[in-house]
Amino acid sequence: MTAPSAPSSISVCEAWARDGIQGWPETLTTGDKLRVITAAAASGVGEIDAASFVPASVVPQFADAEQVLAGIDESVRIRVLTVNVRGAVRVVEAHRSVRRIDRCGIPFSASEPHNLANLRRAHAAHKEQVAAMVDTLGEADIDPLIGVATAWGCPIQGRVEPDTVFGLVDWAYGRGVRSIMFGDTTGMADPRGVTQLFTAAVAQWPDVDFIAHFHDNRGVGIANTLAAIGAGVRIVDASLGGVGGEPSAVDQGDVGESGNVVTEDLVAALQQMDVPTGIDLAALLHAGRLAEHVLGRPLHSRIQRSGPVRRTEIH
């Protein structure tokens, strides 16, 4: 198996507005969300994960999902998430009446015990629901994105075998899905395992847009993201200030969540490696500072504190 060539470019999806703040203890105003989204979009990120279409009684943070979408410029590529057919119908309605939605994420835990705990569905029942969601979204020309969560393991089951992950990919591919995310839901992955899983997946399904989504619970989120890029992945997720992820760092008494890969730090690393992202780092740092202001506390970007590496010519 030959190694993938160096990437011509990497698309970074900014997840602060969805995966980032979904577990935040305070409900943010629509205006504050849009301030951060607009600043992130202005930096040139490839995509914005903007909202979840779930009942407000379950996640009050996203009661204003349609209002948030209405405030985002039409030029910005948008991703949202939903978990059932009713939510998919609502996504389609927003797509038709509010603004274009490019992708809709659908979570599916490779660990069946985690899927039961998170979505209250065994794999067989969840496949029926997901198949209907994929059809509903596809008919509206919205790209269904299957998010294979716990791709490297979960605290309930432990290790998840690659064959289980690939079985879900093969099933989704057979349903016509061409966007598939591997998520390290509780930070159990390591760069070697990431390289092995993504290298095999990219080789077996070369026409799939594979997306890497890592949580940084154990400090290897950026290393895992770079390993995924090295294995051929060209779309990666991150969150301003590292906000979000699972489990919630707020629940652990921290001063801000530390679950997601920090967008600012990841983009700075890619810039130093001469990997194009289309992102203006200074503008991204501004968006990160705005996110800190909106949330009212310092977050976890190290580049915000130390500044990017300044290159000098060596003679």
C-alpha atoms as a PDB file:
ATOM      1  CA  MET A   1       0.000   0.000   0.000  1.00  0.00           C
ATOM      2  CA  THR A   2       1.571   3.286  -1.069  1.00  0.00           C
ATOM      3  CA  ALA A   3       1.606   6.280   1.258  1.00  0.00           C
ATOM      4  CA  PRO A   4      -0.683   9.193   0.320  1.00  0.00           C
ATOM      5  CA  SER A   5       1.023  12.187  -1.260  1.00  0.00           C
ATOM      6  CA  ALA A   6       1.440  15.433   0.647  1.00  0.00           C
ATOM      7  CA  PRO A   7      -1.888  17.279   0.736  1.00  0.00           C
ATOM      8  CA  SER A   8      -2.430  20.114  -1.716  1.00  0.00           C
ATOM      9  CA  SER A   9      -4.838  21.614   0.812  1.00  0.00           C
ATOM     10  CA  ILE A  10      -6.810  20.763   3.948  1.00  0.00           C
ATOM     11  CA  SER A  11     -10.345  21.924   4.695  1.00  0.00           C
ATOM     12  CA  VAL A  12     -10.931  22.759   8.370  1.00  0.00           C
ATOM     13  CA  CYS A  13     -14.504  22.625   9.659  1.00  0.00           C
ATOM     14  CA  GLU A  14     -15.031  25.003  12.590  1.00  0.00           C
ATOM     15  CA  ALA A  15     -17.203  23.182  15.145  1.00  0.00           C
ATOM     16  CA  TRP A  16     -17.422  25.775  17.961  1.00  0.00           C
ATOM     17  CA  ALA A  17     -21.042  26.703  17.226  1.00  0.00           C
ATOM     18  CA  ARG A  18     -22.297  23.104  17.356  1.00  0.00           C
ATOM     19  CA  ASP A  19     -20.085  20.468  18.939  1.00  0.00           C
ATOM     20  CA  GLY A  20     -18.311  23.198  20.863  1.00  0.00           C
ATOM     21  CA  ILE A  21     -21.116  24.801  22.817  1.00  0.00           C
ATOM     22  CA  GLN A  22     -23.721  22.028  22.864  1.00  0.00           C
ATOM     23  CA  GLY A  23     -22.783  21.126  26.434  1.00  0.00           C
ATOM     24  CA  TRP A  24     -21.923  24.635  27.601  1.00  0.00           C
ATOM     25  CA  PRO A  25     -23.628  25.408  30.937  1.00  0.00           C
ATOM     26  CA  GLU A  26     -25.028  28.765  29.813  1.00  0.00           C
ATOM     27  CA  THR A  27     -27.319  29.230  26.810  1.00  0.00           C
ATOM     28  CA  LEU A  28     -25.776  31.791  24.476  1.00  0.00           C
ATOM     29  CA  THR A  29     -27.715  34.447  22.633  1.00  0.00           C
ATOM     30  CA  THR A  30     -28.236  34.113  18.906  1.00  0.00           C
ATOM     31  CA  GLY A  31     -26.323  37.347  18.432  1.00  0.00           C
ATOM     32  CA  ASP A  32     -23.257  36.092  20.295  1.00  0.00           C
ATOM     33  CA  LYS A  33     -23.253  32.845  18.322  1.00  0.00           C
ATOM     34  CA  LEU A  34     -23.420  34.772  15.059  1.00  0.00           C
ATOM     35  CA  ARG A  35     -20.601  37.104  16.082  1.00  0.00           C
ATOM     36  CA  VAL A  36     -18.253  34.146  16.520  1.00  0.00           C
ATOM     37  CA  ILE A  37     -19.521  32.308  13.436  1.00  0.00           C
ATOM     38  CA  THR A  38     -19.113  35.418  11.279  1.00  0.00           C
ATOM     39  CA  ALA A  39     -15.569  35.982  12.545  1.00  0.00           C
ATOM     40  CA  ALA A  40     -14.619  32.345  11.959  1.00  0.00           C
ATOM     41  CA  ALA A  41     -16.095  32.419   8.459  1.00  0.00           C
ATOM     42  CA  ALA A  42     -14.181  35.623   7.684  1.00  0.00           C
ATOM     43  CA  SER A  43     -10.919  33.827   8.511  1.00  0.00           C
ATOM     44  CA  GLY A  44     -11.531  31.408   5.632  1.00  0.00           C
ATOM     45  CA  VAL A  45     -12.423  28.138   7.376  1.00  0.00           C
ATOM     46  CA  GLY A  46     -13.743  25.601   4.896  1.00  0.00           C
ATOM     47  CA  GLU A  47     -17.010  24.842   6.675  1.00  0.00           C
ATOM     48  CA  ILE A  48     -19.008  25.849   9.772  1.00  0.00           C
ATOM     49  CA  ASP A  49     -20.728  23.248  11.930  1.00  0.00           C
ATOM     50  CA  ALA A  50     -23.503  25.632  12.913  1.00  0.00           C
ATOM     51  CA  ALA A  51     -26.241  23.911  14.947  1.00  0.00           C
ATOM     52  CA  SER A  52     -28.016  20.744  15.995  1.00  0.00           C
ATOM     53  CA  PHE A  53     -31.611  20.145  14.978  1.00  0.00           C
ATOM     54  CA  VAL A  54     -32.741  18.437  18.157  1.00  0.00           C
ATOM     55  CA  PRO A  55     -35.632  19.217  20.529  1.00  0.00           C
ATOM     56  CA  ALA A  56     -35.048  22.345  22.615  1.00  0.00           C
ATOM     57  CA  SER A  57     -36.245  20.360  25.630  1.00  0.00           C
ATOM     58  CA  VAL A  58     -33.221  18.088  25.206  1.00  0.00           C
ATOM     59  CA  VAL A  59     -30.574  20.659  24.198  1.00  0.00           C
ATOM     60  CA  PRO A  60     -31.808  24.214  24.910  1.00  0.00           C
ATOM     61  CA  GLN A  61     -28.631  25.636  23.353  1.00  0.00           C
ATOM     62  CA  PHE A  62     -30.037  24.972  19.860  1.00  0.00           C
ATOM     63  CA  ALA A  63     -33.580  26.248  20.255  1.00  0.00           C
ATOM     64  CA  ASP A  64     -32.574  29.046  17.857  1.00  0.00           C
ATOM     65  CA  ALA A  65     -31.087  26.814  15.134  1.00  0.00           C
ATOM     66  CA  GLU A  66     -33.143  28.379  12.319  1.00  0.00           C
ATOM     67  CA  GLN A  67     -32.391  31.901  13.551  1.00  0.00           C
ATOM     68  CA  VAL A  68     -28.668  31.152  13.597  1.00  0.00           C
ATOM     69  CA  LEU A  69     -28.780  29.802  10.052  1.00  0.00           C
ATOM     70  CA  ALA A  70     -30.702  32.871   8.882  1.00  0.00           C
ATOM     71  CA  GLY A  71     -27.866  35.102  10.101  1.00  0.00           C
ATOM     72  CA  ILE A  72     -25.045  33.316   8.242  1.00  0.00           C
ATOM     73  CA  ASP A  73     -23.944  34.620   4.863  1.00  0.00           C
ATOM     74  CA  GLU A  74     -25.008  32.413   1.972  1.00  0.00           C
ATOM     75  CA  SER A  75     -21.411  32.090   0.786  1.00  0.00           C
ATOM     76  CA  VAL A  76     -20.465  30.080   3.890  1.00  0.00           C
ATOM     77  CA  ARG A  77     -20.532  26.286   3.659  1.00  0.00           C
ATOM     78  CA  ILE A  78     -22.759  24.956   6.454  1.00  0.00           C
ATOM     79  CA  ARG A  79     -23.009  21.665   8.315  1.00  0.00           C
ATOM     80  CA  VAL A  80     -25.630  20.777  10.912  1.00  0.00           C
ATOM     81  CA  LEU A  81     -26.475  17.640  12.906  1.00  0.00           C
ATOM     82  CA  THR A  82     -29.631  15.723  13.737  1.00  0.00           C
ATOM     83  CA  VAL A  83     -30.438  12.353  15.277  1.00  0.00           C
ATOM     84  CA  ASN A  84     -33.787  11.142  13.921  1.00  0.00           C
ATOM     85  CA  VAL A  85     -36.192  11.371  10.985  1.00  0.00           C
ATOM     86  CA  ARG A  86     -38.199  14.176  12.575  1.00  0.00           C
ATOM     87  CA  GLY A  87     -35.014  16.193  12.885  1.00  0.00           C
ATOM     88  CA  ALA A  88     -34.053  15.404   9.280  1.00  0.00           C
ATOM     89  CA  VAL A  89     -37.433  16.726   8.112  1.00  0.00           C
ATOM     90  CA  ARG A  90     -36.796  19.922  10.069  1.00  0.00           C
ATOM     91  CA  VAL A  91     -33.348  20.245   8.478  1.00  0.00           C
ATOM     92  CA  VAL A  92     -34.900  19.935   5.018  1.00  0.00           C
ATOM     93  CA  GLU A  93     -37.489  22.595   5.881  1.00  0.00           C
ATOM     94  CA  ALA A  94     -34.729  24.964   7.024  1.00  0.00           C
ATOM     95  CA  HIS A  95     -32.717  24.182   3.901  1.00  0.00           C
ATOM     96  CA  ARG A  96     -35.677  25.174   1.734  1.00  0.00           C
ATOM     97  CA  SER A  97     -36.999  28.161   3.677  1.00  0.00           C
ATOM     98  CA  VAL A  98     -34.039  29.666   5.584  1.00  0.00           C
ATOM     99  CA  ARG A  99     -30.733  29.051   3.771  1.00  0.00           C
ATOM    100  CA  ARG A 100     -28.751  26.319   2.067  1.00  0.00           C
ATOM    101  CA  ILE A 101     -27.457  23.489   4.274  1.00  0.00           C
ATOM    102  CA  ASP A 102     -24.575  21.618   2.659  1.00  0.00           C
ATOM    103  CA  ARG A 103     -24.106  18.643   5.002  1.00  0.00           C
ATOM    104  CA  CYS A 104     -26.084  17.085   7.799  1.00  0.00           C
ATOM    105  CA  GLY A 105     -24.291  14.895  10.298  1.00  0.00           C
ATOM    106  CA  ILE A 106     -25.930  11.720  11.599  1.00  0.00           C
ATOM    107  CA  PRO A 107     -24.207  10.112  14.615  1.00  0.00           C
ATOM    108  CA  PHE A 108     -23.734   6.350  14.692  1.00  0.00           C
ATOM    109  CA  SER A 109     -21.543   4.870  17.427  1.00  0.00           C
ATOM    110  CA  ALA A 110     -19.433   1.913  16.351  1.00  0.00           C
ATOM    111  CA  SER A 111     -19.735   0.749  19.959  1.00  0.00           C
ATOM    112  CA  GLU A 112     -23.276  -0.604  20.305  1.00  0.00           C
ATOM    113  CA  PRO A 113     -23.338  -0.032  24.089  1.00  0.00           C
ATOM    114  CA  HIS A 114     -22.389   3.607  23.466  1.00  0.00           C
ATOM    115  CA  ASN A 115     -25.079   3.928  20.798  1.00  0.00           C
ATOM    116  CA  LEU A 116     -27.624   2.596  23.300  1.00  0.00           C
ATOM    117  CA  ALA A 117     -26.441   5.010  25.972  1.00  0.00           C
ATOM    118  CA  ASN A 118     -26.291   8.003  23.639  1.00  0.00           C
ATOM    119  CA  LEU A 119     -29.235   7.433  21.273  1.00  0.00           C
ATOM    120  CA  ARG A 120     -31.180   4.619  22.982  1.00  0.00           C
ATOM    121  CA  ARG A 121     -31.008   2.444  19.887  1.00  0.00           C
ATOM    122  CA  ALA A 122     -29.294  -0.858  19.155  1.00  0.00           C
ATOM    123  CA  HIS A 123     -27.465  -0.987  15.836  1.00  0.00           C
ATOM    124  CA  ALA A 124     -30.243  -2.775  13.947  1.00  0.00           C
ATOM    125  CA  ALA A 125     -32.907  -0.260  14.998  1.00  0.00           C
ATOM    126  CA  HIS A 126     -30.571   2.661  14.403  1.00  0.00           C
ATOM    127  CA  LYS A 127     -29.819   1.498  10.873  1.00  0.00           C
ATOM    128  CA  GLU A 128     -33.516   1.661  10.040  1.00  0.00           C
ATOM    129  CA  GLN A 129     -33.720   5.219  11.371  1.00  0.00           C
ATOM    130  CA  VAL A 130     -30.514   6.328   9.672  1.00  0.00           C
ATOM    131  CA  ALA A 131     -31.514   4.839   6.311  1.00  0.00           C
ATOM    132  CA  ALA A 132     -34.724   6.897   6.378  1.00  0.00           C
ATOM    133  CA  MET A 133     -32.746  10.014   7.361  1.00  0.00           C
ATOM    134  CA  VAL A 134     -30.276   9.512   4.529  1.00  0.00           C
ATOM    135  CA  ASP A 135     -33.137   9.217   2.039  1.00  0.00           C
ATOM    136  CA  THR A 136     -34.887  12.313   3.406  1.00  0.00           C
ATOM    137  CA  LEU A 137     -31.746  14.435   3.239  1.00  0.00           C
ATOM    138  CA  GLY A 138     -30.601  13.091  -0.119  1.00  0.00           C
ATOM    139  CA  GLU A 139     -33.929  13.896  -1.769  1.00  0.00           C
ATOM    140  CA  ALA A 140     -33.397  17.539  -0.727  1.00  0.00           C
ATOM    141  CA  ASP A 141     -29.833  17.557  -2.109  1.00  0.00           C
ATOM    142  CA  ILE A 142     -28.296  17.771   1.370  1.00  0.00           C
ATOM    143  CA  ASP A 143     -25.154  15.674   1.759  1.00  0.00           C
ATOM    144  CA  PRO A 144     -25.736  13.072   4.536  1.00  0.00           C
ATOM    145  CA  LEU A 145     -22.650  12.672   6.704  1.00  0.00           C
ATOM    146  CA  ILE A 146     -22.443   9.511   8.805  1.00  0.00           C
ATOM    147  CA  GLY A 147     -20.417  10.235  11.915  1.00  0.00           C
ATOM    148  CA  VAL A 148     -18.929   6.954  13.102  1.00  0.00           C
ATOM    149  CA  ALA A 149     -18.416   7.764  16.769  1.00  0.00           C
ATOM    150  CA  THR A 150     -16.194   5.765  19.153  1.00  0.00           C
ATOM    151  CA  ALA A 151     -14.212   4.587  16.130  1.00  0.00           C
ATOM    152  CA  TRP A 152     -11.225   3.695  18.300  1.00  0.00           C
ATOM    153  CA  GLY A 153     -13.042   2.616  21.453  1.00  0.00           C
ATOM    154  CA  CYS A 154     -15.348   3.771  24.231  1.00  0.00           C
ATOM    155  CA  PRO A 155     -15.315   3.582  28.034  1.00  0.00           C
ATOM    156  CA  ILE A 156     -18.317   1.215  28.071  1.00  0.00           C
ATOM    157  CA  GLN A 157     -17.143  -1.417  25.602  1.00  0.00           C
ATOM    158  CA  GLY A 158     -13.433  -0.742  25.479  1.00  0.00           C
ATOM    159  CA  ARG A 159     -11.639  -1.362  22.172  1.00  0.00           C
ATOM    160  CA  VAL A 160     -13.652  -1.201  18.959  1.00  0.00           C
ATOM    161  CA  GLU A 161     -12.341  -3.486  16.219  1.00  0.00           C
ATOM    162  CA  PRO A 162     -11.601  -1.950  12.788  1.00  0.00           C
ATOM    163  CA  ASP A 163     -13.875  -4.555  11.168  1.00  0.00           C
ATOM    164  CA  THR A 164     -16.810  -3.103  13.111  1.00  0.00           C
ATOM    165  CA  VAL A 165     -16.003   0.398  11.847  1.00  0.00           C
ATOM    166  CA  PHE A 166     -15.543  -0.815   8.286  1.00  0.00           C
ATOM    167  CA  GLY A 167     -18.800  -2.741   8.469  1.00  0.00           C
ATOM    168  CA  LEU A 168     -20.624   0.528   9.192  1.00  0.00           C
ATOM    169  CA  VAL A 169     -18.760   2.288   6.381  1.00  0.00           C
ATOM    170  CA  ASP A 170     -19.684  -0.476   3.938  1.00  0.00           C
ATOM    171  CA  TRP A 171     -23.337  -0.310   5.015  1.00  0.00           C
ATOM    172  CA  ALA A 172     -23.450   3.501   4.684  1.00  0.00           C
ATOM    173  CA  TYR A 173     -21.668   3.352   1.325  1.00  0.00           C
ATOM    174  CA  GLY A 174     -24.305   0.923   0.099  1.00  0.00           C
ATOM    175  CA  ARG A 175     -26.945   3.490   1.064  1.00  0.00           C
ATOM    176  CA  GLY A 176     -25.226   6.067  -1.159  1.00  0.00           C
ATOM    177  CA  VAL A 177     -23.401   7.966   1.590  1.00  0.00           C
ATOM    178  CA  ARG A 178     -20.131   9.526   0.426  1.00  0.00           C
ATOM    179  CA  SER A 179     -19.226  11.639   3.494  1.00  0.00           C
ATOM    180  CA  ILE A 180     -18.100   9.636   6.526  1.00  0.00           C
ATOM    181  CA  MET A 181     -16.490  10.868   9.712  1.00  0.00           C
ATOM    182  CA  PHE A 182     -14.434   8.806  12.125  1.00  0.00           C
ATOM    183  CA  GLY A 183     -14.796  10.292  15.597  1.00  0.00           C
ATOM    184  CA  ASP A 184     -12.631   9.673  18.638  1.00  0.00           C
ATOM    185  CA  THR A 185     -15.493  10.426  20.983  1.00  0.00           C
ATOM    186  CA  THR A 186     -13.722  10.079  24.315  1.00  0.00           C
ATOM    187  CA  GLY A 187     -10.102  10.605  23.331  1.00  0.00           C
ATOM    188  CA  MET A 188      -8.946   6.986  23.156  1.00  0.00           C
ATOM    189  CA  ALA A 189      -7.116   7.094  19.806  1.00  0.00           C
ATOM    190  CA  ASP A 190      -3.374   7.271  19.186  1.00  0.00           C
ATOM    191  CA  PRO A 191      -1.523   8.338  16.009  1.00  0.00           C
ATOM    192  CA  ARG A 192      -0.549   4.788  15.005  1.00  0.00           C
ATOM    193  CA  GLY A 193      -4.117   3.508  15.284  1.00  0.00           C
ATOM    194  CA  VAL A 194      -5.390   6.582  13.448  1.00  0.00           C
ATOM    195  CA  THR A 195      -2.937   6.013  10.606  1.00  0.00           C
ATOM    196  CA  GLN A 196      -3.915   2.355  10.303  1.00  0.00           C
ATOM    197  CA  LEU A 197      -7.677   2.946  10.301  1.00  0.00           C
ATOM    198  CA  PHE A 198      -7.742   5.884   7.895  1.00  0.00           C
ATOM    199  CA  THR A 199      -5.117   4.444   5.529  1.00  0.00           C
ATOM    200  CA  ALA A 200      -7.179   1.288   5.093  1.00  0.00           C
ATOM    201  CA  ALA A 201     -10.439   3.216   4.738  1.00  0.00           C
ATOM    202  CA  VAL A 202      -9.104   5.676   2.148  1.00  0.00           C
ATOM    203  CA  ALA A 203      -7.655   2.809   0.123  1.00  0.00           C
ATOM    204  CA  GLN A 204     -10.880   0.766   0.196  1.00  0.00           C
ATOM    205  CA  TRP A 205     -13.316   3.645  -0.469  1.00  0.00           C
ATOM    206  CA  PRO A 206     -11.342   6.220  -2.487  1.00  0.00           C
ATOM    207  CA  ASP A 207     -14.452   8.165  -3.547  1.00  0.00           C
ATOM    208  CA  VAL A 208     -15.568   8.856   0.038  1.00  0.00           C
ATOM    209  CA  ASP A 209     -14.888  12.180   1.753  1.00  0.00           C
ATOM    210  CA  PHE A 210     -13.429  10.934   5.024  1.00  0.00           C
ATOM    211  CA  ILE A 211     -13.470  13.422   7.884  1.00  0.00           C
ATOM    212  CA  ALA A 212     -11.341  13.303  11.031  1.00  0.00           C
ATOM    213  CA  HIS A 213     -12.911  14.436  14.304  1.00  0.00           C
ATOM    214  CA  PHE A 214     -10.759  14.092  17.408  1.00  0.00           C
ATOM    215  CA  HIS A 215     -11.304  15.008  21.009  1.00  0.00           C
ATOM    216  CA  ASP A 216      -8.291  16.132  22.966  1.00  0.00           C
ATOM    217  CA  ASN A 217      -9.069  14.672  26.383  1.00  0.00           C
ATOM    218  CA  ARG A 218      -5.629  13.083  26.623  1.00  0.00           C
ATOM    219  CA  GLY A 219      -3.546  15.654  24.761  1.00  0.00           C
ATOM    220  CA  VAL A 220      -3.033  13.891  21.420  1.00  0.00           C
ATOM    221  CA  GLY A 221      -5.797  15.510  19.382  1.00  0.00           C
ATOM    222  CA  ILE A 222      -3.516  17.472  17.054  1.00  0.00           C
ATOM    223  CA  ALA A 223      -1.114  14.531  16.714  1.00  0.00           C
ATOM    224  CA  ASN A 224      -4.058  12.328  15.741  1.00  0.00           C
ATOM    225  CA  THR A 225      -5.336  14.936  13.274  1.00  0.00           C
ATOM    226  CA  LEU A 226      -1.925  15.162  11.607  1.00  0.00           C
ATOM    227  CA  ALA A 227      -1.791  11.357  11.451  1.00  0.00           C
ATOM    228  CA  ALA A 228      -5.189  11.348   9.707  1.00  0.00           C
ATOM    229  CA  ILE A 229      -3.956  13.925   7.199  1.00  0.00           C
ATOM    230  CA  GLY A 230      -0.886  11.802   6.583  1.00  0.00           C
ATOM    231  CA  ALA A 231      -3.194   8.846   5.887  1.00  0.00           C
ATOM    232  CA  GLY A 232      -5.053  10.742   3.185  1.00  0.00           C
ATOM    233  CA  VAL A 233      -7.839  12.610   5.012  1.00  0.00           C
ATOM    234  CA  ARG A 234      -8.484  16.074   3.586  1.00  0.00           C
ATOM    235  CA  ILE A 235     -11.281  17.362   5.883  1.00  0.00           C
ATOM    236  CA  VAL A 236     -10.706  17.810   9.620  1.00  0.00           C
ATOM    237  CA  ASP A 237     -12.795  19.209  12.475  1.00  0.00           C
ATOM    238  CA  ALA A 238     -11.690  21.519  15.276  1.00  0.00           C
ATOM    239  CA  SER A 239     -13.183  24.051  17.684  1.00  0.00           C
ATOM    240  CA  LEU A 240     -12.066  27.535  18.667  1.00  0.00           C
ATOM    241  CA  GLY A 241     -10.342  27.360  22.028  1.00  0.00           C
ATOM    242  CA  GLY A 242     -10.850  23.594  22.155  1.00  0.00           C
ATOM    243  CA  VAL A 243     -14.392  24.089  23.421  1.00  0.00           C
ATOM    244  CA  GLY A 244     -16.643  21.035  23.435  1.00  0.00           C
ATOM    245  CA  GLY A 245     -16.018  17.346  23.188  1.00  0.00           C
ATOM    246  CA  GLU A 246     -17.044  14.439  25.368  1.00  0.00           C
ATOM    247  CA  PRO A 247     -16.865  14.006  28.260  1.00  0.00           C
ATOM    248  CA  SER A 248     -17.510  17.597  29.271  1.00  0.00           C
ATOM    249  CA  ALA A 249     -14.607  19.217  31.056  1.00  0.00           C
ATOM    250  CA  VAL A 250     -17.112  21.513  32.737  1.00  0.00           C
ATOM    251  CA  ASP A 251     -18.480  18.451  34.532  1.00  0.00           C
ATOM    252  CA  GLN A 252     -14.966  17.910  35.853  1.00  0.00           C
ATOM    253  CA  GLY A 253     -14.844  21.388  37.377  1.00  0.00           C
ATOM    254  CA  ASP A 254     -12.532  22.852  34.739  1.00  0.00           C
ATOM    255  CA  VAL A 255     -12.634  26.501  33.664  1.00  0.00           C
ATOM    256  CA  GLY A 256     -13.819  25.785  30.163  1.00  0.00           C
ATOM    257  CA  GLU A 257     -14.029  22.596  28.172  1.00  0.00           C
ATOM    258  CA  SER A 258     -10.937  20.953  26.725  1.00  0.00           C
ATOM    259  CA  GLY A 259     -12.447  18.160  24.705  1.00  0.00           C
ATOM    260  CA  ASN A 260     -11.981  19.277  21.086  1.00  0.00           C
ATOM    261  CA  VAL A 261      -8.889  19.909  19.014  1.00  0.00           C
ATOM    262  CA  VAL A 262      -8.070  23.636  19.203  1.00  0.00           C
ATOM    263  CA  THR A 263      -8.638  25.223  15.793  1.00  0.00           C
ATOM    264  CA  GLU A 264      -6.111  28.004  16.283  1.00  0.00           C
ATOM    265  CA  ASP A 265      -3.323  25.632  17.341  1.00  0.00           C
ATOM    266  CA  LEU A 266      -4.064  23.124  14.574  1.00  0.00           C
ATOM    267  CA  VAL A 267      -4.106  25.778  11.848  1.00  0.00           C
ATOM    268  CA  ALA A 268      -0.893  27.300  13.192  1.00  0.00           C
ATOM    269  CA  ALA A 269       0.775  23.874  13.032  1.00  0.00           C
ATOM    270  CA  LEU A 270      -0.439  23.296   9.473  1.00  0.00           C
ATOM    271  CA  GLN A 271       0.739  26.757   8.442  1.00  0.00           C
ATOM    272  CA  GLN A 272       4.184  26.074   9.898  1.00  0.00           C
ATOM    273  CA  MET A 273       4.242  22.800   7.913  1.00  0.00           C
ATOM    274  CA  ASP A 274       3.346  24.695   4.694  1.00  0.00           C
ATOM    275  CA  VAL A 275       0.034  22.826   4.387  1.00  0.00           C
ATOM    276  CA  PRO A 276      -2.514  25.197   2.765  1.00  0.00           C
ATOM    277  CA  THR A 277      -5.852  25.638   4.544  1.00  0.00           C
ATOM    278  CA  GLY A 278      -7.093  28.881   3.006  1.00  0.00           C
ATOM    279  CA  ILE A 279      -7.294  30.317   6.530  1.00  0.00           C
ATOM    280  CA  ASP A 280      -5.858  33.661   7.607  1.00  0.00           C
ATOM    281  CA  LEU A 281      -4.313  32.830  10.984  1.00  0.00           C
ATOM    282  CA  ALA A 282      -4.508  36.394  12.327  1.00  0.00           C
ATOM    283  CA  ALA A 283      -8.220  36.522  11.538  1.00  0.00           C
ATOM    284  CA  LEU A 284      -8.708  33.096  13.115  1.00  0.00           C
ATOM    285  CA  LEU A 285      -6.959  34.256  16.282  1.00  0.00           C
ATOM    286  CA  HIS A 286      -9.356  37.211  16.362  1.00  0.00           C
ATOM    287  CA  ALA A 287     -12.284  34.765  16.156  1.00  0.00           C
ATOM    288  CA  GLY A 288     -10.781  32.752  18.997  1.00  0.00           C
ATOM    289  CA  ARG A 289     -10.458  35.824  21.208  1.00  0.00           C
ATOM    290  CA  LEU A 290     -14.060  36.700  20.408  1.00  0.00           C
ATOM    291  CA  ALA A 291     -15.115  33.174  21.432  1.00  0.00           C
ATOM    292  CA  GLU A 292     -13.327  33.677  24.750  1.00  0.00           C
ATOM    293  CA  HIS A 293     -15.095  37.016  25.227  1.00  0.00           C
ATOM    294  CA  VAL A 294     -18.510  35.507  24.469  1.00  0.00           C
ATOM    295  CA  LEU A 295     -17.960  32.606  26.866  1.00  0.00           C
ATOM    296  CA  GLY A 296     -16.476  34.861  29.508  1.00  0.00           C
ATOM    297  CA  ARG A 297     -13.342  32.902  30.279  1.00  0.00           C
ATOM    298  CA  PRO A 298      -9.927  31.949  28.858  1.00  0.00           C
ATOM    299  CA  LEU A 299     -10.004  28.849  26.679  1.00  0.00           C
ATOM    300  CA  HIS A 300      -7.292  26.378  25.720  1.00  0.00           C
ATOM    301  CA  SER A 301      -5.478  27.764  22.687  1.00  0.00           C
ATOM    302  CA  ARG A 302      -1.759  27.886  23.335  1.00  0.00           C
ATOM    303  CA  ILE A 303      -1.145  29.939  20.200  1.00  0.00           C
ATOM    304  CA  GLN A 304      -3.407  32.641  21.646  1.00  0.00           C
ATOM    305  CA  ARG A 305      -0.951  32.951  24.556  1.00  0.00           C
ATOM    306  CA  SER A 306       2.424  32.318  22.923  1.00  0.00           C
ATOM    307  CA  GLY A 307       1.797  33.567  19.386  1.00  0.00           C
ATOM    308  CA  PRO A 308       2.677  31.739  16.147  1.00  0.00           C
ATOM    309  CA  VAL A 309       6.271  30.860  15.320  1.00  0.00           C
ATOM    310  CA  ARG A 310       7.971  33.760  13.557  1.00  0.00           C
ATOM    311  CA  ARG A 311       9.994  32.539  10.615  1.00  0.00           C
ATOM    312  CA  THR A 312      13.409  34.027   9.985  1.00  0.00           C
ATOM    313  CA  GLU A 313      15.788  33.392   7.117  1.00  0.00           C
ATOM    314  CA  ILE A 314      18.857  31.399   8.100  1.00  0.00           C
ATOM    315  CA  HIS A 315      21.961  32.209   6.049  1.00  0.00           C
END
